[in-house]
């Protein structure tokens, strides 16, 4: 049923959308990574990750997750490279992955800058001088 719906949507698009497309956009309609394929719609939805990363620019750096942004950076970087290796080469997917990596890296730089400029903020994680000079006895 889903494939029948998909085929009917493609036929509708071929009859209604394709004729009104500008001449420059018509080759993209039938491209192997065009809007009739998952190769187009998956990256379109993935732009939400970029939007979320851009929305995080409004958050204070101390509230950002290092782990989350490391994951965004590395997955974006790895998948950007992969997009140039697959057939058909998917520049649209490569672009969204590049921006996912870029937003992750931008947030990591913001976190590093915050931690560098606010060392007292993490003072509770460092042992006091008195505590660091304590010798531990071994009970045997």
C-alpha atoms as a PDB file:
ATOM      1  CA  UNK A   1       0.000   0.000   0.000  1.00  0.00           C
ATOM      2  CA  UNK A   2       2.797   2.439   0.865  1.00  0.00           C
ATOM      3  CA  UNK A   3       4.502   1.824  -2.471  1.00  0.00           C
ATOM      4  CA  UNK A   4       1.216   2.400  -4.331  1.00  0.00           C
ATOM      5  CA  UNK A   5       0.775   5.696  -2.485  1.00  0.00           C
ATOM      6  CA  UNK A   6       4.367   6.619  -3.269  1.00  0.00           C
ATOM      7  CA  UNK A   7       3.941   5.854  -6.980  1.00  0.00           C
ATOM      8  CA  UNK A   8       0.718   7.843  -7.175  1.00  0.00           C
ATOM      9  CA  UNK A   9       2.392  10.828  -5.469  1.00  0.00           C
ATOM     10  CA  UNK A  10       5.261  10.628  -7.965  1.00  0.00           C
ATOM     11  CA  UNK A  11       2.808  10.505 -10.890  1.00  0.00           C
ATOM     12  CA  UNK A  12       0.939  13.484  -9.454  1.00  0.00           C
ATOM     13  CA  UNK A  13       4.234  15.368  -9.123  1.00  0.00           C
ATOM     14  CA  UNK A  14       5.216  14.464 -12.687  1.00  0.00           C
ATOM     15  CA  UNK A  15       1.911  15.846 -14.000  1.00  0.00           C
ATOM     16  CA  UNK A  16       1.518  18.906 -11.755  1.00  0.00           C
ATOM     17  CA  UNK A  17       4.877  19.953 -10.319  1.00  0.00           C
ATOM     18  CA  UNK A  18       7.318  19.064 -13.105  1.00  0.00           C
ATOM     19  CA  UNK A  19       5.688  21.264 -15.797  1.00  0.00           C
ATOM     20  CA  UNK A  20       5.862  24.389 -13.604  1.00  0.00           C
ATOM     21  CA  UNK A  21       9.467  23.880 -12.491  1.00  0.00           C
ATOM     22  CA  UNK A  22      12.042  26.270 -13.958  1.00  0.00           C
ATOM     23  CA  UNK A  23      14.159  24.696 -16.724  1.00  0.00           C
ATOM     24  CA  UNK A  24      17.217  24.722 -14.433  1.00  0.00           C
ATOM     25  CA  UNK A  25      15.380  22.721 -11.732  1.00  0.00           C
ATOM     26  CA  UNK A  26      13.821  20.079 -14.001  1.00  0.00           C
ATOM     27  CA  UNK A  27      16.905  17.792 -14.135  1.00  0.00           C
ATOM     28  CA  UNK A  28      16.903  17.664 -10.320  1.00  0.00           C
ATOM     29  CA  UNK A  29      13.325  16.318 -10.314  1.00  0.00           C
ATOM     30  CA  UNK A  30      14.387  13.033 -11.971  1.00  0.00           C
ATOM     31  CA  UNK A  31      17.872  12.858 -10.441  1.00  0.00           C
ATOM     32  CA  UNK A  32      18.780   9.563  -8.696  1.00  0.00           C
ATOM     33  CA  UNK A  33      18.990  11.555  -5.450  1.00  0.00           C
ATOM     34  CA  UNK A  34      16.046  13.830  -6.263  1.00  0.00           C
ATOM     35  CA  UNK A  35      12.790  14.454  -4.425  1.00  0.00           C
ATOM     36  CA  UNK A  36      11.309  11.142  -5.587  1.00  0.00           C
ATOM     37  CA  UNK A  37      13.804   9.236  -3.414  1.00  0.00           C
ATOM     38  CA  UNK A  38      14.723   8.799   0.231  1.00  0.00           C
ATOM     39  CA  UNK A  39      18.094  10.307  -0.694  1.00  0.00           C
ATOM     40  CA  UNK A  40      16.335  13.665  -0.804  1.00  0.00           C
ATOM     41  CA  UNK A  41      13.905  13.429   2.107  1.00  0.00           C
ATOM     42  CA  UNK A  42      16.284  12.013   4.720  1.00  0.00           C
ATOM     43  CA  UNK A  43      18.659  15.003   4.468  1.00  0.00           C
ATOM     44  CA  UNK A  44      15.697  17.379   4.386  1.00  0.00           C
ATOM     45  CA  UNK A  45      14.557  16.072   7.769  1.00  0.00           C
ATOM     46  CA  UNK A  46      18.159  16.032   9.036  1.00  0.00           C
ATOM     47  CA  UNK A  47      18.282  19.823   8.679  1.00  0.00           C
ATOM     48  CA  UNK A  48      16.339  19.802  11.970  1.00  0.00           C
ATOM     49  CA  UNK A  49      19.598  18.785  13.701  1.00  0.00           C
ATOM     50  CA  UNK A  50      21.289  21.832  12.224  1.00  0.00           C
ATOM     51  CA  UNK A  51      18.383  23.979  13.365  1.00  0.00           C
ATOM     52  CA  UNK A  52      18.634  22.557  16.886  1.00  0.00           C
ATOM     53  CA  UNK A  53      22.365  23.263  16.924  1.00  0.00           C
ATOM     54  CA  UNK A  54      21.762  26.830  15.810  1.00  0.00           C
ATOM     55  CA  UNK A  55      19.055  27.239  18.461  1.00  0.00           C
ATOM     56  CA  UNK A  56      21.610  26.120  21.063  1.00  0.00           C
ATOM     57  CA  UNK A  57      23.655  29.211  20.226  1.00  0.00           C
ATOM     58  CA  UNK A  58      21.172  31.074  22.445  1.00  0.00           C
ATOM     59  CA  UNK A  59      21.879  28.746  25.394  1.00  0.00           C
ATOM     60  CA  UNK A  60      24.651  29.530  27.871  1.00  0.00           C
ATOM     61  CA  UNK A  61      27.792  27.536  27.162  1.00  0.00           C
ATOM     62  CA  UNK A  62      27.826  25.973  30.637  1.00  0.00           C
ATOM     63  CA  UNK A  63      24.501  24.292  29.860  1.00  0.00           C
ATOM     64  CA  UNK A  64      25.718  22.587  26.661  1.00  0.00           C
ATOM     65  CA  UNK A  65      26.591  18.897  26.559  1.00  0.00           C
ATOM     66  CA  UNK A  66      30.130  18.039  25.512  1.00  0.00           C
ATOM     67  CA  UNK A  67      29.148  14.447  24.700  1.00  0.00           C
ATOM     68  CA  UNK A  68      26.223  15.481  22.516  1.00  0.00           C
ATOM     69  CA  UNK A  69      28.289  17.977  20.539  1.00  0.00           C
ATOM     70  CA  UNK A  70      31.204  15.565  20.133  1.00  0.00           C
ATOM     71  CA  UNK A  71      28.709  13.064  18.714  1.00  0.00           C
ATOM     72  CA  UNK A  72      27.238  15.674  16.361  1.00  0.00           C
ATOM     73  CA  UNK A  73      30.679  16.761  15.198  1.00  0.00           C
ATOM     74  CA  UNK A  74      32.032  13.280  14.497  1.00  0.00           C
ATOM     75  CA  UNK A  75      28.888  11.866  12.902  1.00  0.00           C
ATOM     76  CA  UNK A  76      28.621  14.943  10.698  1.00  0.00           C
ATOM     77  CA  UNK A  77      32.280  14.681   9.676  1.00  0.00           C
ATOM     78  CA  UNK A  78      32.179  10.930   9.022  1.00  0.00           C
ATOM     79  CA  UNK A  79      28.933  11.072   7.041  1.00  0.00           C
ATOM     80  CA  UNK A  80      30.144  14.061   5.008  1.00  0.00           C
ATOM     81  CA  UNK A  81      33.046  11.933   3.806  1.00  0.00           C
ATOM     82  CA  UNK A  82      30.746   8.971   3.186  1.00  0.00           C
ATOM     83  CA  UNK A  83      28.440  11.075   0.985  1.00  0.00           C
ATOM     84  CA  UNK A  84      31.248  11.467  -1.540  1.00  0.00           C
ATOM     85  CA  UNK A  85      31.885   7.712  -1.622  1.00  0.00           C
ATOM     86  CA  UNK A  86      28.342   6.446  -2.288  1.00  0.00           C
ATOM     87  CA  UNK A  87      26.676   6.153  -5.670  1.00  0.00           C
ATOM     88  CA  UNK A  88      24.955   8.378  -6.529  1.00  0.00           C
ATOM     89  CA  UNK A  89      27.123  11.043  -4.906  1.00  0.00           C
ATOM     90  CA  UNK A  90      24.695  12.977  -2.760  1.00  0.00           C
ATOM     91  CA  UNK A  91      25.794  16.589  -2.398  1.00  0.00           C
ATOM     92  CA  UNK A  92      22.598  17.527  -0.575  1.00  0.00           C
ATOM     93  CA  UNK A  93      23.268  14.935   2.124  1.00  0.00           C
ATOM     94  CA  UNK A  94      26.934  15.985   2.228  1.00  0.00           C
ATOM     95  CA  UNK A  95      25.941  19.605   2.806  1.00  0.00           C
ATOM     96  CA  UNK A  96      23.603  18.832   5.700  1.00  0.00           C
ATOM     97  CA  UNK A  97      26.219  16.586   7.318  1.00  0.00           C
ATOM     98  CA  UNK A  98      28.853  19.297   6.891  1.00  0.00           C
ATOM     99  CA  UNK A  99      26.598  21.749   8.727  1.00  0.00           C
ATOM    100  CA  UNK A 100      25.838  19.182  11.455  1.00  0.00           C
ATOM    101  CA  UNK A 101      29.596  18.841  11.999  1.00  0.00           C
ATOM    102  CA  UNK A 102      30.026  22.615  11.888  1.00  0.00           C
ATOM    103  CA  UNK A 103      27.366  23.287  14.512  1.00  0.00           C
ATOM    104  CA  UNK A 104      28.795  20.573  16.755  1.00  0.00           C
ATOM    105  CA  UNK A 105      32.293  22.035  16.415  1.00  0.00           C
ATOM    106  CA  UNK A 106      31.019  25.563  17.057  1.00  0.00           C
ATOM    107  CA  UNK A 107      29.369  24.439  20.274  1.00  0.00           C
ATOM    108  CA  UNK A 108      32.508  22.565  21.357  1.00  0.00           C
ATOM    109  CA  UNK A 109      34.545  25.730  20.814  1.00  0.00           C
ATOM    110  CA  UNK A 110      32.017  27.695  22.889  1.00  0.00           C
ATOM    111  CA  UNK A 111      32.241  25.107  25.691  1.00  0.00           C
ATOM    112  CA  UNK A 112      36.064  25.148  25.621  1.00  0.00           C
ATOM    113  CA  UNK A 113      36.122  28.949  25.659  1.00  0.00           C
ATOM    114  CA  UNK A 114      33.752  29.042  28.621  1.00  0.00           C
ATOM    115  CA  UNK A 115      35.790  26.502  30.591  1.00  0.00           C
ATOM    116  CA  UNK A 116      39.022  28.348  29.776  1.00  0.00           C
ATOM    117  CA  UNK A 117      37.680  31.741  30.819  1.00  0.00           C
ATOM    118  CA  UNK A 118      35.834  30.492  33.928  1.00  0.00           C
ATOM    119  CA  UNK A 119      38.322  28.220  35.748  1.00  0.00           C
ATOM    120  CA  UNK A 120      36.772  28.987  39.161  1.00  0.00           C
ATOM    121  CA  UNK A 121      33.507  27.507  37.946  1.00  0.00           C
ATOM    122  CA  UNK A 122      35.144  24.067  38.062  1.00  0.00           C
ATOM    123  CA  UNK A 123      37.033  24.614  41.329  1.00  0.00           C
ATOM    124  CA  UNK A 124      34.740  22.170  43.145  1.00  0.00           C
ATOM    125  CA  UNK A 125      36.107  19.394  40.934  1.00  0.00           C
ATOM    126  CA  UNK A 126      39.723  20.020  42.000  1.00  0.00           C
ATOM    127  CA  UNK A 127      40.938  18.777  45.377  1.00  0.00           C
ATOM    128  CA  UNK A 128      41.882  21.332  48.013  1.00  0.00           C
ATOM    129  CA  UNK A 129      45.537  21.630  48.997  1.00  0.00           C
ATOM    130  CA  UNK A 130      44.792  20.124  52.411  1.00  0.00           C
ATOM    131  CA  UNK A 131      43.078  17.123  50.863  1.00  0.00           C
ATOM    132  CA  UNK A 132      45.845  16.542  48.322  1.00  0.00           C
ATOM    133  CA  UNK A 133      48.512  16.238  51.055  1.00  0.00           C
ATOM    134  CA  UNK A 134      46.661  13.536  52.967  1.00  0.00           C
ATOM    135  CA  UNK A 135      48.501  10.233  52.990  1.00  0.00           C
ATOM    136  CA  UNK A 136      46.440   7.093  52.881  1.00  0.00           C
ATOM    137  CA  UNK A 137      47.306   4.248  55.181  1.00  0.00           C
ATOM    138  CA  UNK A 138      47.110   0.731  53.986  1.00  0.00           C
ATOM    139  CA  UNK A 139      45.385  -1.627  56.398  1.00  0.00           C
ATOM    140  CA  UNK A 140      46.590  -5.159  56.260  1.00  0.00           C
END
